Amino acid sequence: MTSQILQTHDSPLREAIGSVIYEFRWLAADTAMMAWRNLMHYRRNPETLMSTIAGPVMFLFLFNYVFGGAIGAGRDFNYIDYLVPGVLIQNNLFTVMNTGIGIAQDLQKGFVDRYRSLPMARSAVLGGRVCATSLVSFVSVYWTLAIAMLFGMRFHGDLLPVLLMPLVVGAFCFGVAWLSALVGVTVRNAETASASTFFITIPLTFLSSTFVPVETMPGWLQAFAEVNPITHVVNLCRNMAQGGPLESYAWVTAFWIALLIVGVGTLATWRYRRIA
C-alpha cells in the first residue's frame, strides 16, 4: 500500500524529469545537426576562413615588427609575449562576430521560414550557428599560438594555466557569439549586422590592453579601458601564459563569461523565438 502511494506521488515527477531530458536531447541533437550544416559551409567555401587564418599572421607581423619597437621600448617585457594574448582575443572576436551576420542572412533570405515546417527545435538554428562559429574560433586559437611561436613568443607560466588559456579564450568568445547572435536577430539585415558588429568589436579591442598597457593611455581613456571586459580577459590570458597573478582578473572574466552566455544567450534565444 505504502509503495503504491509513493509510486503515485513520484510518477508525475519522473514524467516531468523524463520530459525535460527528452526536450534537452532533442534540442542538443538538432543543434548539432545545424552546427554541422554551418561547418559544411566552411568546407564548401574555404575562402570564408581567410580572415581567421591570415588575420593572426597580419596583426602579429604589423604590431611586432612595425610598432613593437616603439611600443615595447624601455619596458621590462618582450613585446611579442605581451602581444599574443591580445591578438588571440581580437582575431577570435572577429571570427565569432560573423555569427550575427550569418543569422541575419538566413532571416533575410527566408531560410528560417523553411525550417518552421521541419520537426526540429526552433532554437537549434540559433544555437547551431553559435556553436559552429565558436568551434572554428576555438580551433584557430591553436593556429594563432603556433604562428606566434614562430614569431618568437614563449610561455613562462606554469603548465596548467597555459593549458587552460585556450579554454578561457573559447568560453569568452562563445559568449560573444551570443552577443553577435542577438545583433543578428535584432537588425535582421546582413549589411546592418556587419556594420553593427564592426562598431562593437573595433572600439572594444583597441580601447583595452590588447596592444598597449592601459597606463600609457590618457587618464580619461584609462577609466574606460580598466572596466572594458576585453582588458580583463586579455590580462588573464597574458598572466596565464607568462606566470602572472590570476585572481584579480579571473573573477571578473568569469562574471563576463556567465553574463554573456546565460544573460545575453537567453535574451537572443527569446528574441529569436519571437520572430522565427
C-alpha atoms as a PDB file:
ATOM      1  CA  MET A   1       0.000   0.000   0.000  1.00  0.00           C
ATOM      2  CA  THR A   2       2.771   2.407   1.013  1.00  0.00           C
ATOM      3  CA  SER A   3       4.815   1.611  -2.064  1.00  0.00           C
ATOM      4  CA  GLN A   4       1.783   2.234  -4.266  1.00  0.00           C
ATOM      5  CA  ILE A   5       1.236   5.671  -2.695  1.00  0.00           C
ATOM      6  CA  LEU A   6       4.897   6.601  -3.106  1.00  0.00           C
ATOM      7  CA  GLN A   7       4.831   5.418  -6.685  1.00  0.00           C
ATOM      8  CA  THR A   8       1.749   7.526  -7.376  1.00  0.00           C
ATOM      9  CA  HIS A   9       3.392  10.654  -5.961  1.00  0.00           C
ATOM     10  CA  ASP A  10       6.723  10.020  -7.688  1.00  0.00           C
ATOM     11  CA  SER A  11       5.255   9.287 -11.103  1.00  0.00           C
ATOM     12  CA  PRO A  12       4.490  12.918 -12.151  1.00  0.00           C
ATOM     13  CA  LEU A  13       7.959  13.983 -11.030  1.00  0.00           C
ATOM     14  CA  ARG A  14       9.605  11.216 -13.016  1.00  0.00           C
ATOM     15  CA  GLU A  15       7.493  12.121 -16.026  1.00  0.00           C
ATOM     16  CA  ALA A  16       8.500  15.778 -15.721  1.00  0.00           C
ATOM     17  CA  ILE A  17      12.187  14.895 -15.442  1.00  0.00           C
ATOM     18  CA  GLY A  18      11.892  12.496 -18.364  1.00  0.00           C
ATOM     19  CA  SER A  19      10.194  15.176 -20.439  1.00  0.00           C
ATOM     20  CA  VAL A  20      12.943  17.700 -19.671  1.00  0.00           C
ATOM     21  CA  ILE A  21      15.643  15.170 -20.560  1.00  0.00           C
ATOM     22  CA  TYR A  22      13.867  14.325 -23.820  1.00  0.00           C
ATOM     23  CA  GLU A  23      13.497  18.004 -24.758  1.00  0.00           C
ATOM     24  CA  PHE A  24      17.152  18.653 -23.975  1.00  0.00           C
ATOM     25  CA  ARG A  25      18.324  15.667 -26.041  1.00  0.00           C
ATOM     26  CA  TRP A  26      16.083  16.774 -28.904  1.00  0.00           C
ATOM     27  CA  LEU A  27      17.469  20.312 -28.753  1.00  0.00           C
ATOM     28  CA  ALA A  28      21.077  19.064 -28.493  1.00  0.00           C
ATOM     29  CA  ALA A  29      20.672  16.736 -31.484  1.00  0.00           C
ATOM     30  CA  ASP A  30      19.069  19.437 -33.641  1.00  0.00           C
ATOM     31  CA  THR A  31      21.687  21.980 -32.577  1.00  0.00           C
ATOM     32  CA  ALA A  32      24.482  19.569 -33.505  1.00  0.00           C
ATOM     33  CA  MET A  33      22.847  18.974 -36.886  1.00  0.00           C
ATOM     34  CA  MET A  34      22.598  22.720 -37.589  1.00  0.00           C
ATOM     35  CA  ALA A  35      26.168  23.260 -36.400  1.00  0.00           C
ATOM     36  CA  TRP A  36      27.324  20.581 -38.844  1.00  0.00           C
ATOM     37  CA  ARG A  37      25.385  22.311 -41.628  1.00  0.00           C
ATOM     38  CA  ASN A  38      27.179  25.571 -40.911  1.00  0.00           C
ATOM     39  CA  LEU A  39      30.567  23.876 -40.693  1.00  0.00           C
ATOM     40  CA  MET A  40      29.960  22.354 -44.121  1.00  0.00           C
ATOM     41  CA  HIS A  41      29.636  25.896 -45.477  1.00  0.00           C
ATOM     42  CA  TYR A  42      33.246  26.491 -44.460  1.00  0.00           C
ATOM     43  CA  ARG A  43      34.254  23.325 -46.278  1.00  0.00           C
ATOM     44  CA  ARG A  44      32.456  24.340 -49.478  1.00  0.00           C
ATOM     45  CA  ASN A  45      33.636  27.952 -49.228  1.00  0.00           C
ATOM     46  CA  PRO A  46      37.118  27.819 -47.667  1.00  0.00           C
ATOM     47  CA  GLU A  47      37.720  31.449 -48.605  1.00  0.00           C
ATOM     48  CA  THR A  48      35.436  32.409 -45.703  1.00  0.00           C
ATOM     49  CA  LEU A  49      38.208  31.189 -43.387  1.00  0.00           C
ATOM     50  CA  MET A  50      40.832  33.502 -44.877  1.00  0.00           C
ATOM     51  CA  SER A  51      40.363  36.209 -42.248  1.00  0.00           C
ATOM     52  CA  THR A  52      40.650  33.618 -39.480  1.00  0.00           C
ATOM     53  CA  ILE A  53      43.831  32.163 -40.998  1.00  0.00           C
ATOM     54  CA  ALA A  54      45.518  35.314 -42.292  1.00  0.00           C
ATOM     55  CA  GLY A  55      44.379  37.676 -39.523  1.00  0.00           C
ATOM     56  CA  PRO A  56      46.799  36.468 -36.821  1.00  0.00           C
ATOM     57  CA  VAL A  57      49.733  36.487 -39.245  1.00  0.00           C
ATOM     58  CA  MET A  58      48.996  40.047 -40.347  1.00  0.00           C
ATOM     59  CA  PHE A  59      48.460  41.501 -36.868  1.00  0.00           C
ATOM     60  CA  LEU A  60      51.440  39.698 -35.344  1.00  0.00           C
ATOM     61  CA  PHE A  61      53.672  40.937 -38.160  1.00  0.00           C
ATOM     62  CA  LEU A  62      52.412  44.529 -38.125  1.00  0.00           C
ATOM     63  CA  PHE A  63      52.363  45.089 -34.387  1.00  0.00           C
ATOM     64  CA  ASN A  64      55.506  43.112 -33.564  1.00  0.00           C
ATOM     65  CA  TYR A  65      57.809  44.346 -36.331  1.00  0.00           C
ATOM     66  CA  VAL A  66      56.299  47.711 -37.294  1.00  0.00           C
ATOM     67  CA  PHE A  67      55.033  49.025 -33.939  1.00  0.00           C
ATOM     68  CA  GLY A  68      56.745  46.688 -31.478  1.00  0.00           C
ATOM     69  CA  GLY A  69      59.995  48.636 -31.329  1.00  0.00           C
ATOM     70  CA  ALA A  70      58.217  51.823 -30.289  1.00  0.00           C
ATOM     71  CA  ILE A  71      55.606  50.232 -28.024  1.00  0.00           C
ATOM     72  CA  GLY A  72      57.953  47.845 -26.226  1.00  0.00           C
ATOM     73  CA  ALA A  73      60.937  50.218 -25.960  1.00  0.00           C
ATOM     74  CA  GLY A  74      62.159  50.694 -22.393  1.00  0.00           C
ATOM     75  CA  ARG A  75      59.776  48.131 -20.911  1.00  0.00           C
ATOM     76  CA  ASP A  76      60.624  45.045 -18.891  1.00  0.00           C
ATOM     77  CA  PHE A  77      58.795  42.571 -21.138  1.00  0.00           C
ATOM     78  CA  ASN A  78      59.198  41.004 -24.548  1.00  0.00           C
ATOM     79  CA  TYR A  79      56.537  42.685 -26.675  1.00  0.00           C
ATOM     80  CA  ILE A  80      55.651  39.549 -28.652  1.00  0.00           C
ATOM     81  CA  ASP A  81      54.820  37.797 -25.356  1.00  0.00           C
ATOM     82  CA  TYR A  82      52.662  40.778 -24.422  1.00  0.00           C
ATOM     83  CA  LEU A  83      51.017  40.972 -27.842  1.00  0.00           C
ATOM     84  CA  VAL A  84      49.931  37.369 -28.468  1.00  0.00           C
ATOM     85  CA  PRO A  85      47.055  37.111 -25.925  1.00  0.00           C
ATOM     86  CA  GLY A  86      45.587  40.324 -27.324  1.00  0.00           C
ATOM     87  CA  VAL A  87      45.773  39.046 -30.890  1.00  0.00           C
ATOM     88  CA  LEU A  88      44.181  35.779 -29.739  1.00  0.00           C
ATOM     89  CA  ILE A  89      41.163  37.615 -28.370  1.00  0.00           C
ATOM     90  CA  GLN A  90      40.909  40.084 -31.244  1.00  0.00           C
ATOM     91  CA  ASN A  91      41.122  37.510 -34.026  1.00  0.00           C
ATOM     92  CA  ASN A  92      38.611  35.222 -32.350  1.00  0.00           C
ATOM     93  CA  LEU A  93      36.207  38.095 -31.741  1.00  0.00           C
ATOM     94  CA  PHE A  94      36.310  38.864 -35.455  1.00  0.00           C
ATOM     95  CA  THR A  95      35.524  35.200 -36.147  1.00  0.00           C
ATOM     96  CA  VAL A  96      32.568  34.808 -33.789  1.00  0.00           C
ATOM     97  CA  MET A  97      31.115  38.169 -34.760  1.00  0.00           C
ATOM     98  CA  ASN A  98      30.257  36.530 -38.091  1.00  0.00           C
ATOM     99  CA  THR A  99      27.550  34.669 -36.165  1.00  0.00           C
ATOM    100  CA  GLY A 100      25.170  37.607 -36.289  1.00  0.00           C
ATOM    101  CA  ILE A 101      25.861  38.246 -39.960  1.00  0.00           C
ATOM    102  CA  GLY A 102      25.047  34.627 -40.837  1.00  0.00           C
ATOM    103  CA  ILE A 103      21.840  34.665 -38.808  1.00  0.00           C
ATOM    104  CA  ALA A 104      20.765  37.931 -40.415  1.00  0.00           C
ATOM    105  CA  GLN A 105      21.417  36.422 -43.858  1.00  0.00           C
ATOM    106  CA  ASP A 106      19.293  33.365 -43.024  1.00  0.00           C
ATOM    107  CA  LEU A 107      16.463  35.623 -41.874  1.00  0.00           C
ATOM    108  CA  GLN A 108      16.820  37.911 -44.880  1.00  0.00           C
ATOM    109  CA  LYS A 109      16.814  35.071 -47.423  1.00  0.00           C
ATOM    110  CA  GLY A 110      13.914  33.218 -45.823  1.00  0.00           C
ATOM    111  CA  PHE A 111      15.832  30.115 -44.728  1.00  0.00           C
ATOM    112  CA  VAL A 112      14.381  30.366 -41.233  1.00  0.00           C
ATOM    113  CA  ASP A 113      10.855  30.276 -42.676  1.00  0.00           C
ATOM    114  CA  ARG A 114      11.681  26.937 -44.314  1.00  0.00           C
ATOM    115  CA  TYR A 115      12.867  25.477 -41.022  1.00  0.00           C
ATOM    116  CA  ARG A 116       9.459  26.104 -39.464  1.00  0.00           C
ATOM    117  CA  SER A 117       7.990  23.234 -41.476  1.00  0.00           C
ATOM    118  CA  LEU A 118      10.600  20.790 -40.162  1.00  0.00           C
ATOM    119  CA  PRO A 119      10.130  18.744 -36.967  1.00  0.00           C
ATOM    120  CA  MET A 120      13.042  20.384 -35.169  1.00  0.00           C
ATOM    121  CA  ALA A 121      13.632  22.667 -32.205  1.00  0.00           C
ATOM    122  CA  ARG A 122      13.398  26.279 -33.351  1.00  0.00           C
ATOM    123  CA  SER A 123      16.268  27.393 -31.104  1.00  0.00           C
ATOM    124  CA  ALA A 124      18.568  24.872 -32.803  1.00  0.00           C
ATOM    125  CA  VAL A 125      19.001  27.212 -35.781  1.00  0.00           C
ATOM    126  CA  LEU A 126      20.417  29.886 -33.498  1.00  0.00           C
ATOM    127  CA  GLY A 127      22.412  27.502 -31.324  1.00  0.00           C
ATOM    128  CA  GLY A 128      23.869  25.679 -34.312  1.00  0.00           C
ATOM    129  CA  ARG A 129      25.201  28.889 -35.811  1.00  0.00           C
ATOM    130  CA  VAL A 130      26.716  29.958 -32.475  1.00  0.00           C
ATOM    131  CA  CYS A 131      28.331  26.556 -31.886  1.00  0.00           C
ATOM    132  CA  ALA A 132      29.784  26.372 -35.401  1.00  0.00           C
ATOM    133  CA  THR A 133      31.495  29.763 -35.319  1.00  0.00           C
ATOM    134  CA  SER A 134      32.659  29.156 -31.741  1.00  0.00           C
ATOM    135  CA  LEU A 135      34.237  25.846 -32.756  1.00  0.00           C
ATOM    136  CA  VAL A 136      36.078  27.476 -35.660  1.00  0.00           C
ATOM    137  CA  SER A 137      37.204  30.201 -33.267  1.00  0.00           C
ATOM    138  CA  PHE A 138      38.466  27.668 -30.723  1.00  0.00           C
ATOM    139  CA  VAL A 139      40.481  25.736 -33.313  1.00  0.00           C
ATOM    140  CA  SER A 140      42.021  28.992 -34.548  1.00  0.00           C
ATOM    141  CA  VAL A 141      43.452  29.592 -31.053  1.00  0.00           C
ATOM    142  CA  TYR A 142      45.987  26.818 -31.636  1.00  0.00           C
ATOM    143  CA  TRP A 143      46.745  28.096 -35.137  1.00  0.00           C
ATOM    144  CA  THR A 144      47.451  31.554 -33.713  1.00  0.00           C
ATOM    145  CA  LEU A 145      49.674  30.151 -30.955  1.00  0.00           C
ATOM    146  CA  ALA A 146      51.647  28.113 -33.488  1.00  0.00           C
ATOM    147  CA  ILE A 147      52.237  31.208 -35.630  1.00  0.00           C
ATOM    148  CA  ALA A 148      53.113  33.244 -32.533  1.00  0.00           C
ATOM    149  CA  MET A 149      55.822  30.775 -31.529  1.00  0.00           C
ATOM    150  CA  LEU A 150      57.356  31.155 -34.984  1.00  0.00           C
ATOM    151  CA  PHE A 151      57.447  34.906 -34.307  1.00  0.00           C
ATOM    152  CA  GLY A 152      59.369  34.251 -31.075  1.00  0.00           C
ATOM    153  CA  MET A 153      56.648  34.048 -28.428  1.00  0.00           C
ATOM    154  CA  ARG A 154      57.457  31.793 -25.462  1.00  0.00           C
ATOM    155  CA  PHE A 155      55.455  30.588 -22.468  1.00  0.00           C
ATOM    156  CA  HIS A 156      56.805  31.348 -18.985  1.00  0.00           C
ATOM    157  CA  GLY A 157      53.825  30.310 -16.872  1.00  0.00           C
ATOM    158  CA  ASP A 158      53.005  27.019 -15.167  1.00  0.00           C
ATOM    159  CA  LEU A 159      51.773  24.163 -17.324  1.00  0.00           C
ATOM    160  CA  LEU A 160      48.167  24.054 -16.063  1.00  0.00           C
ATOM    161  CA  PRO A 161      47.357  27.766 -16.652  1.00  0.00           C
ATOM    162  CA  VAL A 162      48.982  27.556 -20.087  1.00  0.00           C
ATOM    163  CA  LEU A 163      46.825  24.553 -20.992  1.00  0.00           C
ATOM    164  CA  LEU A 164      43.682  26.247 -19.670  1.00  0.00           C
ATOM    165  CA  MET A 165      44.260  29.527 -21.517  1.00  0.00           C
ATOM    166  CA  PRO A 166      42.673  28.350 -24.827  1.00  0.00           C
ATOM    167  CA  LEU A 167      39.596  27.265 -22.864  1.00  0.00           C
ATOM    168  CA  VAL A 168      39.254  30.758 -21.388  1.00  0.00           C
ATOM    169  CA  VAL A 169      39.522  32.284 -24.865  1.00  0.00           C
ATOM    170  CA  GLY A 170      36.993  29.779 -26.215  1.00  0.00           C
ATOM    171  CA  ALA A 171      34.497  30.344 -23.388  1.00  0.00           C
ATOM    172  CA  PHE A 172      34.648  34.122 -23.723  1.00  0.00           C
ATOM    173  CA  CYS A 173      34.281  34.014 -27.498  1.00  0.00           C
ATOM    174  CA  PHE A 174      31.357  31.588 -27.129  1.00  0.00           C
ATOM    175  CA  GLY A 175      29.665  34.258 -25.014  1.00  0.00           C
ATOM    176  CA  VAL A 176      30.475  36.985 -27.540  1.00  0.00           C
ATOM    177  CA  ALA A 177      28.987  34.777 -30.269  1.00  0.00           C
ATOM    178  CA  TRP A 178      25.671  35.016 -28.415  1.00  0.00           C
ATOM    179  CA  LEU A 179      26.040  38.805 -28.379  1.00  0.00           C
ATOM    180  CA  SER A 180      26.568  38.725 -32.125  1.00  0.00           C
ATOM    181  CA  ALA A 181      23.537  36.439 -32.468  1.00  0.00           C
ATOM    182  CA  LEU A 182      21.466  38.984 -30.559  1.00  0.00           C
ATOM    183  CA  VAL A 183      22.574  41.669 -33.012  1.00  0.00           C
ATOM    184  CA  GLY A 184      21.659  39.422 -35.944  1.00  0.00           C
ATOM    185  CA  VAL A 185      18.133  38.629 -34.737  1.00  0.00           C
ATOM    186  CA  THR A 186      17.564  42.287 -33.837  1.00  0.00           C
ATOM    187  CA  VAL A 187      18.606  44.003 -37.074  1.00  0.00           C
ATOM    188  CA  ARG A 188      17.692  41.079 -39.423  1.00  0.00           C
ATOM    189  CA  ASN A 189      19.775  42.581 -42.224  1.00  0.00           C
ATOM    190  CA  ALA A 190      23.227  41.280 -43.151  1.00  0.00           C
ATOM    191  CA  GLU A 191      24.694  44.679 -44.061  1.00  0.00           C
ATOM    192  CA  THR A 192      23.444  46.308 -40.874  1.00  0.00           C
ATOM    193  CA  ALA A 193      24.625  43.346 -38.810  1.00  0.00           C
ATOM    194  CA  SER A 194      28.091  43.609 -40.357  1.00  0.00           C
ATOM    195  CA  ALA A 195      28.319  47.328 -39.589  1.00  0.00           C
ATOM    196  CA  SER A 196      26.987  46.838 -36.060  1.00  0.00           C
ATOM    197  CA  THR A 197      29.434  44.085 -35.168  1.00  0.00           C
ATOM    198  CA  PHE A 198      32.306  46.150 -36.602  1.00  0.00           C
ATOM    199  CA  PHE A 199      31.454  49.123 -34.398  1.00  0.00           C
ATOM    200  CA  ILE A 200      31.259  46.828 -31.379  1.00  0.00           C
ATOM    201  CA  THR A 201      34.486  44.907 -31.967  1.00  0.00           C
ATOM    202  CA  ILE A 202      36.920  47.631 -33.027  1.00  0.00           C
ATOM    203  CA  PRO A 203      36.429  50.057 -30.083  1.00  0.00           C
ATOM    204  CA  LEU A 204      36.370  47.261 -27.502  1.00  0.00           C
ATOM    205  CA  THR A 205      39.612  45.689 -28.743  1.00  0.00           C
ATOM    206  CA  PHE A 206      41.620  48.866 -29.307  1.00  0.00           C
ATOM    207  CA  LEU A 207      40.404  50.707 -26.185  1.00  0.00           C
ATOM    208  CA  SER A 208      41.815  47.992 -23.943  1.00  0.00           C
ATOM    209  CA  SER A 209      45.125  46.389 -23.013  1.00  0.00           C
ATOM    210  CA  THR A 210      45.080  44.330 -26.215  1.00  0.00           C
ATOM    211  CA  PHE A 211      48.073  46.064 -27.819  1.00  0.00           C
ATOM    212  CA  VAL A 212      49.413  48.560 -25.266  1.00  0.00           C
ATOM    213  CA  PRO A 213      49.465  48.842 -21.460  1.00  0.00           C
ATOM    214  CA  VAL A 214      46.480  50.756 -20.121  1.00  0.00           C
ATOM    215  CA  GLU A 215      48.718  53.117 -18.114  1.00  0.00           C
ATOM    216  CA  THR A 216      50.097  54.597 -21.354  1.00  0.00           C
ATOM    217  CA  MET A 217      46.652  55.959 -22.279  1.00  0.00           C
ATOM    218  CA  PRO A 218      45.263  59.374 -21.299  1.00  0.00           C
ATOM    219  CA  GLY A 219      43.629  59.391 -17.873  1.00  0.00           C
ATOM    220  CA  TRP A 220      40.072  59.752 -19.165  1.00  0.00           C
ATOM    221  CA  LEU A 221      40.594  56.810 -21.524  1.00  0.00           C
ATOM    222  CA  GLN A 222      42.158  54.651 -18.819  1.00  0.00           C
ATOM    223  CA  ALA A 223      38.886  54.809 -16.901  1.00  0.00           C
ATOM    224  CA  PHE A 224      37.086  53.085 -19.775  1.00  0.00           C
ATOM    225  CA  ALA A 225      39.898  50.658 -20.597  1.00  0.00           C
ATOM    226  CA  GLU A 226      40.103  49.433 -16.997  1.00  0.00           C
ATOM    227  CA  VAL A 227      36.427  48.395 -16.947  1.00  0.00           C
ATOM    228  CA  ASN A 228      36.458  47.081 -20.510  1.00  0.00           C
ATOM    229  CA  PRO A 229      35.830  43.302 -20.329  1.00  0.00           C
ATOM    230  CA  ILE A 230      38.400  42.762 -23.093  1.00  0.00           C
ATOM    231  CA  THR A 231      41.089  44.182 -20.792  1.00  0.00           C
ATOM    232  CA  HIS A 232      40.295  41.682 -18.051  1.00  0.00           C
ATOM    233  CA  VAL A 233      40.168  38.690 -20.410  1.00  0.00           C
ATOM    234  CA  VAL A 234      43.380  39.665 -22.210  1.00  0.00           C
ATOM    235  CA  ASN A 235      45.227  40.322 -18.939  1.00  0.00           C
ATOM    236  CA  LEU A 236      44.056  36.983 -17.541  1.00  0.00           C
ATOM    237  CA  CYS A 237      45.265  35.115 -20.644  1.00  0.00           C
ATOM    238  CA  ARG A 238      48.509  37.094 -20.604  1.00  0.00           C
ATOM    239  CA  ASN A 239      49.208  36.182 -16.980  1.00  0.00           C
ATOM    240  CA  MET A 240      48.258  32.548 -17.604  1.00  0.00           C
ATOM    241  CA  ALA A 241      50.824  32.400 -20.401  1.00  0.00           C
ATOM    242  CA  GLN A 242      53.558  34.354 -18.621  1.00  0.00           C
ATOM    243  CA  GLY A 243      53.109  33.331 -14.985  1.00  0.00           C
ATOM    244  CA  GLY A 244      51.476  36.461 -13.553  1.00  0.00           C
ATOM    245  CA  PRO A 245      48.792  36.675 -10.824  1.00  0.00           C
ATOM    246  CA  LEU A 246      45.382  35.368 -11.872  1.00  0.00           C
ATOM    247  CA  GLU A 247      42.890  36.056  -9.084  1.00  0.00           C
ATOM    248  CA  SER A 248      42.184  39.728  -9.787  1.00  0.00           C
ATOM    249  CA  TYR A 249      41.236  39.025 -13.404  1.00  0.00           C
ATOM    250  CA  ALA A 250      39.758  35.531 -13.090  1.00  0.00           C
ATOM    251  CA  TRP A 251      36.614  36.529 -11.171  1.00  0.00           C
ATOM    252  CA  VAL A 252      35.788  39.450 -13.457  1.00  0.00           C
ATOM    253  CA  THR A 253      36.367  37.300 -16.536  1.00  0.00           C
ATOM    254  CA  ALA A 254      34.144  34.545 -15.115  1.00  0.00           C
ATOM    255  CA  PHE A 255      31.430  37.139 -14.459  1.00  0.00           C
ATOM    256  CA  TRP A 256      31.501  38.420 -18.049  1.00  0.00           C
ATOM    257  CA  ILE A 257      31.521  34.908 -19.500  1.00  0.00           C
ATOM    258  CA  ALA A 258      28.499  33.932 -17.387  1.00  0.00           C
ATOM    259  CA  LEU A 259      26.675  37.162 -18.241  1.00  0.00           C
ATOM    260  CA  LEU A 260      27.230  36.719 -21.970  1.00  0.00           C
ATOM    261  CA  ILE A 261      26.346  33.024 -22.135  1.00  0.00           C
ATOM    262  CA  VAL A 262      23.421  32.982 -19.699  1.00  0.00           C
ATOM    263  CA  GLY A 263      22.093  36.531 -19.882  1.00  0.00           C
ATOM    264  CA  VAL A 264      22.729  37.551 -23.477  1.00  0.00           C
ATOM    265  CA  GLY A 265      22.212  33.981 -24.717  1.00  0.00           C
ATOM    266  CA  THR A 266      18.782  33.821 -23.089  1.00  0.00           C
ATOM    267  CA  LEU A 267      17.855  37.222 -24.498  1.00  0.00           C
ATOM    268  CA  ALA A 268      18.986  36.251 -28.009  1.00  0.00           C
ATOM    269  CA  THR A 269      17.009  32.993 -27.840  1.00  0.00           C
ATOM    270  CA  TRP A 270      13.891  34.807 -26.612  1.00  0.00           C
ATOM    271  CA  ARG A 271      14.214  37.381 -29.372  1.00  0.00           C
ATOM    272  CA  TYR A 272      14.702  34.664 -31.995  1.00  0.00           C
ATOM    273  CA  ARG A 273      11.641  32.732 -30.818  1.00  0.00           C
ATOM    274  CA  ARG A 274       9.531  35.856 -31.260  1.00  0.00           C
ATOM    275  CA  ILE A 275      10.463  36.322 -34.907  1.00  0.00           C
ATOM    276  CA  ALA A 276      11.039  32.704 -36.045  1.00  0.00           C
END
